[in-house]
Amino acid sequence: MNDGIAERAAWIAPFLEKLAESSNVTASAKAAGISASTAYAARRKDREFARQWRRALCEGYDNLELELLRRLRKGQRPTEKTKYDNAAAIRLLLAHRDEVSQQRALDEDEDEEAILASLTAKLDKMRERQIATQKLLAEDGMMTPAYD
């Protein structure tokens, strides 16, 4: 998958940054200097980019949700000139709800695996220290070694 990697590298970061900020593919593509169809094609071809896209949407979803809650609770700031469309924000949240839920589930699985690996490593070190301590005590004649 060498075709276009160098070109994509130049636009991926700004695209993902804007996607996380806006949850809007068209605006993100424009900010990255590409067409939305280029971004969609790259997502279909590159699994890692597709994963990063989903994570950016999750972040954008969280940002939109927080902003919408703020506006619903406190109203529009008096200094804001832009009139916000809360109904459109809710539709956008609903449109991405399933994809965001799927990505969060995947992230939680990755986190669970990392936690289990960390705990296993700690337990292995504790066992090693216990065996070493038992050997030292046995050498001093204080106890008989017990190995698992």
N, C-alpha and C. Protein backbone atom coordinates (compact mmCIF):
# COMPACT_ATOMS: atom_id res chain seq x y z
N MET A 1 0.83 -1.18 0.00
CA MET A 1 0.00 0.00 0.00
C MET A 1 0.88 1.25 0.00
N ASN A 2 1.79 1.32 -0.92
CA ASN A 2 2.69 2.46 -1.03
C ASN A 2 2.09 3.62 -1.80
N ASP A 3 1.09 3.32 -2.62
CA ASP A 3 0.54 4.37 -3.47
C ASP A 3 -0.12 5.47 -2.65
N GLY A 4 0.42 6.64 -2.75
CA GLY A 4 -0.20 7.80 -2.11
C GLY A 4 0.07 7.97 -0.64
N ILE A 5 0.92 7.13 -0.04
CA ILE A 5 1.17 7.25 1.40
C ILE A 5 1.80 8.60 1.73
N ALA A 6 2.77 9.03 0.94
CA ALA A 6 3.42 10.31 1.21
C ALA A 6 2.42 11.46 1.09
N GLU A 7 1.56 11.39 0.06
CA GLU A 7 0.56 12.46 -0.09
C GLU A 7 -0.43 12.44 1.07
N ARG A 8 -0.83 11.23 1.47
CA ARG A 8 -1.78 11.12 2.57
C ARG A 8 -1.19 11.60 3.88
N ALA A 9 0.07 11.33 4.09
CA ALA A 9 0.70 11.73 5.34
C ALA A 9 0.57 13.23 5.57
N ALA A 10 0.58 13.99 4.49
CA ALA A 10 0.49 15.45 4.61
C ALA A 10 -0.89 15.92 5.04
N TRP A 11 -1.93 15.19 4.70
CA TRP A 11 -3.27 15.67 5.01
C TRP A 11 -3.96 14.92 6.14
N ILE A 12 -3.45 13.77 6.53
CA ILE A 12 -4.14 12.95 7.55
C ILE A 12 -4.28 13.69 8.88
N ALA A 13 -3.19 14.24 9.39
CA ALA A 13 -3.24 14.91 10.71
C ALA A 13 -4.24 16.08 10.72
N PRO A 14 -4.17 17.01 9.74
CA PRO A 14 -5.16 18.10 9.77
C PRO A 14 -6.59 17.61 9.59
N PHE A 15 -6.76 16.55 8.79
CA PHE A 15 -8.10 16.00 8.58
C PHE A 15 -8.65 15.46 9.89
N LEU A 16 -7.85 14.62 10.57
CA LEU A 16 -8.31 14.00 11.82
C LEU A 16 -8.53 15.04 12.92
N GLU A 17 -7.66 16.04 12.95
CA GLU A 17 -7.81 17.10 13.95
C GLU A 17 -9.15 17.83 13.77
N LYS A 18 -9.45 18.19 12.53
CA LYS A 18 -10.71 18.90 12.25
C LYS A 18 -11.91 17.98 12.47
N LEU A 19 -11.75 16.68 12.15
CA LEU A 19 -12.83 15.73 12.35
C LEU A 19 -13.15 15.58 13.84
N ALA A 20 -12.12 15.54 14.66
CA ALA A 20 -12.32 15.46 16.11
C ALA A 20 -12.98 16.72 16.65
N GLU A 21 -12.67 17.84 16.04
CA GLU A 21 -13.23 19.12 16.47
C GLU A 21 -14.67 19.29 16.00
N SER A 22 -14.95 18.86 14.76
CA SER A 22 -16.23 19.21 14.14
C SER A 22 -17.19 18.05 13.89
N SER A 23 -16.69 16.83 13.84
CA SER A 23 -17.48 15.65 13.45
C SER A 23 -18.04 15.80 12.04
N ASN A 24 -17.41 16.62 11.22
CA ASN A 24 -17.91 16.93 9.88
C ASN A 24 -16.84 16.55 8.86
N VAL A 25 -17.14 15.53 8.06
CA VAL A 25 -16.16 15.02 7.10
C VAL A 25 -15.87 16.06 6.02
N THR A 26 -16.88 16.73 5.52
CA THR A 26 -16.68 17.71 4.46
C THR A 26 -15.80 18.86 4.94
N ALA A 27 -16.09 19.38 6.13
CA ALA A 27 -15.28 20.47 6.68
C ALA A 27 -13.86 19.99 6.97
N SER A 28 -13.72 18.76 7.41
CA SER A 28 -12.40 18.20 7.72
C SER A 28 -11.58 18.04 6.46
N ALA A 29 -12.22 17.56 5.40
CA ALA A 29 -11.53 17.40 4.12
C ALA A 29 -11.08 18.76 3.59
N LYS A 30 -11.96 19.74 3.68
CA LYS A 30 -11.61 21.09 3.22
C LYS A 30 -10.42 21.64 4.01
N ALA A 31 -10.43 21.45 5.32
CA ALA A 31 -9.33 21.93 6.17
C ALA A 31 -8.01 21.23 5.81
N ALA A 32 -8.10 19.98 5.34
CA ALA A 32 -6.91 19.22 4.98
C ALA A 32 -6.49 19.43 3.53
N GLY A 33 -7.31 20.17 2.77
CA GLY A 33 -6.98 20.45 1.38
C GLY A 33 -7.25 19.29 0.43
N ILE A 34 -8.22 18.45 0.77
CA ILE A 34 -8.59 17.32 -0.08
C ILE A 34 -10.10 17.30 -0.26
N SER A 35 -10.58 16.41 -1.10
CA SER A 35 -12.02 16.23 -1.25
C SER A 35 -12.50 15.19 -0.25
N ALA A 36 -13.76 15.24 0.07
CA ALA A 36 -14.33 14.24 0.98
C ALA A 36 -14.21 12.85 0.38
N SER A 37 -14.35 12.74 -0.94
CA SER A 37 -14.25 11.42 -1.58
C SER A 37 -12.85 10.84 -1.43
N THR A 38 -11.83 11.68 -1.42
CA THR A 38 -10.45 11.21 -1.19
C THR A 38 -10.33 10.62 0.21
N ALA A 39 -10.92 11.30 1.17
CA ALA A 39 -10.87 10.82 2.56
C ALA A 39 -11.61 9.49 2.69
N TYR A 40 -12.80 9.40 2.10
CA TYR A 40 -13.57 8.16 2.17
C TYR A 40 -12.84 7.01 1.48
N ALA A 41 -12.20 7.28 0.35
CA ALA A 41 -11.44 6.25 -0.36
C ALA A 41 -10.26 5.76 0.49
N ALA A 42 -9.58 6.69 1.14
CA ALA A 42 -8.46 6.32 2.00
C ALA A 42 -8.94 5.48 3.18
N ARG A 43 -10.10 5.83 3.71
CA ARG A 43 -10.66 5.07 4.84
C ARG A 43 -10.98 3.64 4.41
N ARG A 44 -11.48 3.45 3.20
CA ARG A 44 -11.80 2.11 2.71
C ARG A 44 -10.54 1.27 2.50
N LYS A 45 -9.45 1.90 2.10
CA LYS A 45 -8.22 1.18 1.75
C LYS A 45 -7.29 0.95 2.94
N ASP A 46 -7.34 1.80 3.94
CA ASP A 46 -6.34 1.78 5.02
C ASP A 46 -7.02 1.55 6.37
N ARG A 47 -6.83 0.35 6.91
CA ARG A 47 -7.48 0.00 8.19
C ARG A 47 -7.06 0.92 9.34
N GLU A 48 -5.77 1.24 9.39
CA GLU A 48 -5.28 2.10 10.47
C GLU A 48 -5.92 3.48 10.39
N PHE A 49 -6.02 4.02 9.19
CA PHE A 49 -6.66 5.31 9.00
C PHE A 49 -8.14 5.22 9.39
N ALA A 50 -8.79 4.12 9.04
CA ALA A 50 -10.20 3.93 9.42
C ALA A 50 -10.35 3.92 10.94
N ARG A 51 -9.40 3.29 11.63
CA ARG A 51 -9.43 3.26 13.10
C ARG A 51 -9.24 4.66 13.67
N GLN A 52 -8.27 5.41 13.09
CA GLN A 52 -8.03 6.78 13.55
C GLN A 52 -9.26 7.65 13.28
N TRP A 53 -9.91 7.44 12.17
CA TRP A 53 -11.13 8.17 11.81
C TRP A 53 -12.20 7.93 12.88
N ARG A 54 -12.41 6.65 13.23
CA ARG A 54 -13.43 6.33 14.25
C ARG A 54 -13.09 6.98 15.59
N ARG A 55 -11.82 6.96 15.95
CA ARG A 55 -11.42 7.59 17.22
C ARG A 55 -11.63 9.11 17.18
N ALA A 56 -11.34 9.72 16.04
CA ALA A 56 -11.56 11.17 15.90
C ALA A 56 -13.05 11.47 16.00
N LEU A 57 -13.88 10.63 15.40
CA LEU A 57 -15.33 10.83 15.50
C LEU A 57 -15.80 10.68 16.94
N CYS A 58 -15.21 9.72 17.67
CA CYS A 58 -15.56 9.57 19.09
C CYS A 58 -15.24 10.84 19.86
N GLU A 59 -14.08 11.38 19.60
CA GLU A 59 -13.69 12.63 20.27
C GLU A 59 -14.63 13.76 19.86
N GLY A 60 -14.92 13.85 18.58
CA GLY A 60 -15.85 14.87 18.09
C GLY A 60 -17.23 14.71 18.68
N TYR A 61 -17.66 13.47 18.81
CA TYR A 61 -18.95 13.17 19.41
C TYR A 61 -18.98 13.67 20.86
N ASP A 62 -17.93 13.38 21.59
CA ASP A 62 -17.85 13.84 22.99
C ASP A 62 -17.87 15.37 23.06
N ASN A 63 -17.09 16.01 22.18
CA ASN A 63 -17.05 17.48 22.17
C ASN A 63 -18.42 18.07 21.85
N LEU A 64 -19.07 17.51 20.85
CA LEU A 64 -20.39 18.01 20.46
C LEU A 64 -21.40 17.80 21.57
N GLU A 65 -21.34 16.65 22.19
CA GLU A 65 -22.27 16.34 23.27
C GLU A 65 -22.09 17.32 24.43
N LEU A 66 -20.85 17.59 24.81
CA LEU A 66 -20.58 18.52 25.90
C LEU A 66 -21.03 19.94 25.55
N GLU A 67 -20.73 20.36 24.33
CA GLU A 67 -21.14 21.70 23.89
C GLU A 67 -22.65 21.82 23.85
N LEU A 68 -23.32 20.80 23.36
CA LEU A 68 -24.78 20.82 23.29
C LEU A 68 -25.38 20.88 24.70
N LEU A 69 -24.84 20.10 25.60
CA LEU A 69 -25.33 20.14 26.98
C LEU A 69 -25.12 21.53 27.60
N ARG A 70 -23.96 22.13 27.34
CA ARG A 70 -23.70 23.47 27.86
C ARG A 70 -24.73 24.46 27.33
N ARG A 71 -24.98 24.40 26.02
CA ARG A 71 -25.94 25.34 25.43
C ARG A 71 -27.35 25.11 25.94
N LEU A 72 -27.74 23.85 26.12
CA LEU A 72 -29.08 23.55 26.60
C LEU A 72 -29.26 23.99 28.05
N ARG A 73 -28.20 23.88 28.83
CA ARG A 73 -28.29 24.27 30.24
C ARG A 73 -28.19 25.78 30.45
N LYS A 74 -27.30 26.42 29.71
CA LYS A 74 -27.02 27.83 29.97
C LYS A 74 -27.51 28.76 28.87
N GLY A 75 -27.90 28.21 27.74
CA GLY A 75 -28.32 29.06 26.63
C GLY A 75 -27.12 29.59 25.87
N GLN A 76 -27.40 30.38 24.86
CA GLN A 76 -26.34 30.95 24.04
C GLN A 76 -25.69 32.10 24.77
N ARG A 77 -24.38 32.16 24.69
CA ARG A 77 -23.65 33.27 25.32
C ARG A 77 -24.04 34.57 24.64
N PRO A 78 -24.18 35.65 25.40
CA PRO A 78 -24.57 36.93 24.80
C PRO A 78 -23.58 37.44 23.75
N THR A 79 -22.32 37.05 23.86
CA THR A 79 -21.31 37.53 22.91
C THR A 79 -21.28 36.71 21.63
N GLU A 80 -21.98 35.58 21.60
CA GLU A 80 -21.97 34.72 20.43
C GLU A 80 -22.91 35.28 19.36
N LYS A 81 -22.38 35.45 18.16
CA LYS A 81 -23.19 35.96 17.06
C LYS A 81 -23.82 34.84 16.26
N THR A 82 -23.18 33.67 16.29
CA THR A 82 -23.69 32.53 15.54
C THR A 82 -24.87 31.91 16.26
N LYS A 83 -25.93 31.66 15.54
CA LYS A 83 -27.10 30.99 16.10
C LYS A 83 -26.90 29.49 15.91
N TYR A 84 -26.92 28.73 16.99
CA TYR A 84 -26.66 27.30 16.92
C TYR A 84 -27.96 26.54 16.66
N ASP A 85 -27.84 25.49 15.89
CA ASP A 85 -28.97 24.63 15.58
C ASP A 85 -28.86 23.38 16.45
N ASN A 86 -29.49 23.42 17.61
CA ASN A 86 -29.42 22.31 18.55
C ASN A 86 -30.03 21.04 17.97
N ALA A 87 -31.08 21.19 17.18
CA ALA A 87 -31.72 20.01 16.58
C ALA A 87 -30.75 19.31 15.62
N ALA A 88 -29.99 20.08 14.86
CA ALA A 88 -29.00 19.49 13.95
C ALA A 88 -27.91 18.79 14.75
N ALA A 89 -27.50 19.36 15.88
CA ALA A 89 -26.48 18.73 16.72
C ALA A 89 -26.99 17.40 17.26
N ILE A 90 -28.24 17.37 17.67
CA ILE A 90 -28.82 16.12 18.18
C ILE A 90 -28.89 15.08 17.07
N ARG A 91 -29.29 15.48 15.87
CA ARG A 91 -29.32 14.55 14.73
C ARG A 91 -27.93 13.98 14.44
N LEU A 92 -26.93 14.83 14.52
CA LEU A 92 -25.56 14.38 14.28
C LEU A 92 -25.12 13.38 15.35
N LEU A 93 -25.45 13.67 16.59
CA LEU A 93 -25.10 12.74 17.67
C LEU A 93 -25.78 11.39 17.45
N LEU A 94 -27.04 11.41 17.07
CA LEU A 94 -27.77 10.17 16.82
C LEU A 94 -27.20 9.41 15.63
N ALA A 95 -26.78 10.14 14.60
CA ALA A 95 -26.25 9.50 13.40
C ALA A 95 -24.95 8.74 13.69
N HIS A 96 -24.16 9.23 14.62
CA HIS A 96 -22.85 8.62 14.91
C HIS A 96 -22.88 7.73 16.15
N ARG A 97 -24.03 7.63 16.80
CA ARG A 97 -24.11 6.91 18.07
C ARG A 97 -23.60 5.48 17.97
N ASP A 98 -24.05 4.73 16.96
CA ASP A 98 -23.64 3.32 16.84
C ASP A 98 -22.14 3.18 16.58
N GLU A 99 -21.62 4.00 15.68
CA GLU A 99 -20.20 3.92 15.34
C GLU A 99 -19.34 4.27 16.56
N VAL A 100 -19.76 5.28 17.31
CA VAL A 100 -19.02 5.68 18.51
C VAL A 100 -19.09 4.57 19.56
N SER A 101 -20.24 3.96 19.72
CA SER A 101 -20.38 2.86 20.68
C SER A 101 -19.47 1.70 20.32
N GLN A 102 -19.41 1.37 19.02
CA GLN A 102 -18.54 0.29 18.58
C GLN A 102 -17.08 0.60 18.85
N GLN A 103 -16.65 1.83 18.57
CA GLN A 103 -15.26 2.20 18.80
C GLN A 103 -14.93 2.19 20.29
N ARG A 104 -15.85 2.66 21.10
CA ARG A 104 -15.59 2.64 22.55
C ARG A 104 -15.45 1.22 23.06
N ALA A 105 -16.28 0.31 22.54
CA ALA A 105 -16.17 -1.10 22.94
C ALA A 105 -14.82 -1.66 22.53
N LEU A 106 -14.35 -1.33 21.33
CA LEU A 106 -13.03 -1.79 20.89
C LEU A 106 -11.93 -1.23 21.78
N ASP A 107 -12.04 0.06 22.12
CA ASP A 107 -11.03 0.69 22.98
C ASP A 107 -11.02 0.06 24.36
N GLU A 108 -12.21 -0.27 24.87
CA GLU A 108 -12.28 -0.89 26.19
C GLU A 108 -11.64 -2.27 26.17
N ASP A 109 -11.84 -3.02 25.08
CA ASP A 109 -11.20 -4.33 24.97
C ASP A 109 -9.68 -4.19 24.97
N GLU A 110 -9.16 -3.19 24.24
CA GLU A 110 -7.72 -2.96 24.22
C GLU A 110 -7.23 -2.60 25.61
N ASP A 111 -7.97 -1.77 26.31
CA ASP A 111 -7.58 -1.38 27.66
C ASP A 111 -7.59 -2.58 28.60
N GLU A 112 -8.60 -3.44 28.45
CA GLU A 112 -8.69 -4.62 29.31
C GLU A 112 -7.49 -5.54 29.07
N GLU A 113 -7.12 -5.73 27.81
CA GLU A 113 -5.97 -6.58 27.50
C GLU A 113 -4.69 -6.00 28.09
N ALA A 114 -4.53 -4.68 28.01
CA ALA A 114 -3.33 -4.05 28.56
C ALA A 114 -3.29 -4.20 30.08
N ILE A 115 -4.42 -4.05 30.72
CA ILE A 115 -4.50 -4.20 32.18
C ILE A 115 -4.15 -5.63 32.58
N LEU A 116 -4.73 -6.59 31.88
CA LEU A 116 -4.44 -8.00 32.21
C LEU A 116 -2.97 -8.33 31.99
N ALA A 117 -2.39 -7.81 30.92
CA ALA A 117 -0.97 -8.05 30.67
C ALA A 117 -0.11 -7.44 31.76
N SER A 118 -0.47 -6.26 32.20
CA SER A 118 0.27 -5.59 33.26
C SER A 118 0.17 -6.38 34.57
N LEU A 119 -1.02 -6.84 34.90
CA LEU A 119 -1.20 -7.62 36.12
C LEU A 119 -0.43 -8.93 36.06
N THR A 120 -0.44 -9.58 34.92
CA THR A 120 0.30 -10.84 34.75
C THR A 120 1.79 -10.60 34.96
N ALA A 121 2.32 -9.53 34.39
CA ALA A 121 3.74 -9.21 34.55
C ALA A 121 4.08 -8.95 36.02
N LYS A 122 3.21 -8.23 36.72
CA LYS A 122 3.45 -7.95 38.14
C LYS A 122 3.42 -9.24 38.96
N LEU A 123 2.46 -10.10 38.66
CA LEU A 123 2.38 -11.38 39.39
C LEU A 123 3.62 -12.24 39.13
N ASP A 124 4.10 -12.24 37.88
CA ASP A 124 5.31 -13.00 37.55
C ASP A 124 6.50 -12.48 38.35
N LYS A 125 6.64 -11.16 38.47
CA LYS A 125 7.74 -10.58 39.25
C LYS A 125 7.61 -10.94 40.73
N MET A 126 6.38 -10.91 41.25
CA MET A 126 6.17 -11.28 42.65
C MET A 126 6.57 -12.73 42.89
N ARG A 127 6.20 -13.62 41.96
CA ARG A 127 6.57 -15.04 42.09
C ARG A 127 8.09 -15.21 42.07
N GLU A 128 8.75 -14.48 41.16
CA GLU A 128 10.21 -14.56 41.07
C GLU A 128 10.85 -14.11 42.38
N ARG A 129 10.34 -13.01 42.95
CA ARG A 129 10.90 -12.52 44.23
C ARG A 129 10.65 -13.52 45.35
N GLN A 130 9.46 -14.13 45.35
CA GLN A 130 9.13 -15.10 46.39
C GLN A 130 10.07 -16.31 46.29
N ILE A 131 10.31 -16.79 45.10
CA ILE A 131 11.21 -17.94 44.91
C ILE A 131 12.63 -17.56 45.33
N ALA A 132 13.08 -16.37 44.95
CA ALA A 132 14.43 -15.93 45.33
C ALA A 132 14.56 -15.83 46.84
N THR A 133 13.53 -15.29 47.50
CA THR A 133 13.55 -15.17 48.96
C THR A 133 13.58 -16.54 49.61
N GLN A 134 12.78 -17.47 49.10
CA GLN A 134 12.76 -18.82 49.66
C GLN A 134 14.11 -19.51 49.49
N LYS A 135 14.77 -19.29 48.36
CA LYS A 135 16.09 -19.88 48.14
C LYS A 135 17.10 -19.33 49.14
N LEU A 136 17.06 -17.99 49.33
CA LEU A 136 17.99 -17.38 50.29
C LEU A 136 17.76 -17.90 51.71
N LEU A 137 16.51 -18.02 52.09
CA LEU A 137 16.19 -18.53 53.42
C LEU A 137 16.62 -19.99 53.57
N ALA A 138 16.44 -20.76 52.52
CA ALA A 138 16.84 -22.17 52.55
C ALA A 138 18.35 -22.29 52.68
N GLU A 139 19.08 -21.41 51.96
CA GLU A 139 20.54 -21.44 52.04
C GLU A 139 21.03 -21.10 53.44
N ASP A 140 20.28 -20.23 54.12
CA ASP A 140 20.65 -19.87 55.49
C ASP A 140 20.15 -20.89 56.49
N GLY A 141 19.48 -21.94 56.01
CA GLY A 141 18.98 -22.99 56.89
C GLY A 141 17.73 -22.59 57.64
N MET A 142 17.07 -21.54 57.21
CA MET A 142 15.89 -21.09 57.94
C MET A 142 14.62 -21.77 57.47
N MET A 143 14.60 -22.30 56.25
CA MET A 143 13.40 -22.99 55.78
C MET A 143 13.75 -23.85 54.57
N THR A 144 12.87 -24.75 54.26
CA THR A 144 13.03 -25.60 53.09
C THR A 144 12.42 -24.89 51.90
N PRO A 145 13.09 -24.91 50.74
CA PRO A 145 12.52 -24.23 49.58
C PRO A 145 11.20 -24.86 49.14
N ALA A 146 10.27 -24.02 48.78
CA ALA A 146 8.98 -24.48 48.25
C ALA A 146 8.80 -23.84 46.88
N TYR A 147 8.69 -24.69 45.88
CA TYR A 147 8.57 -24.19 44.50
C TYR A 147 7.19 -24.55 43.97
N ASP A 148 6.65 -23.64 43.20
CA ASP A 148 5.33 -23.91 42.58
C ASP A 148 5.52 -24.51 41.23
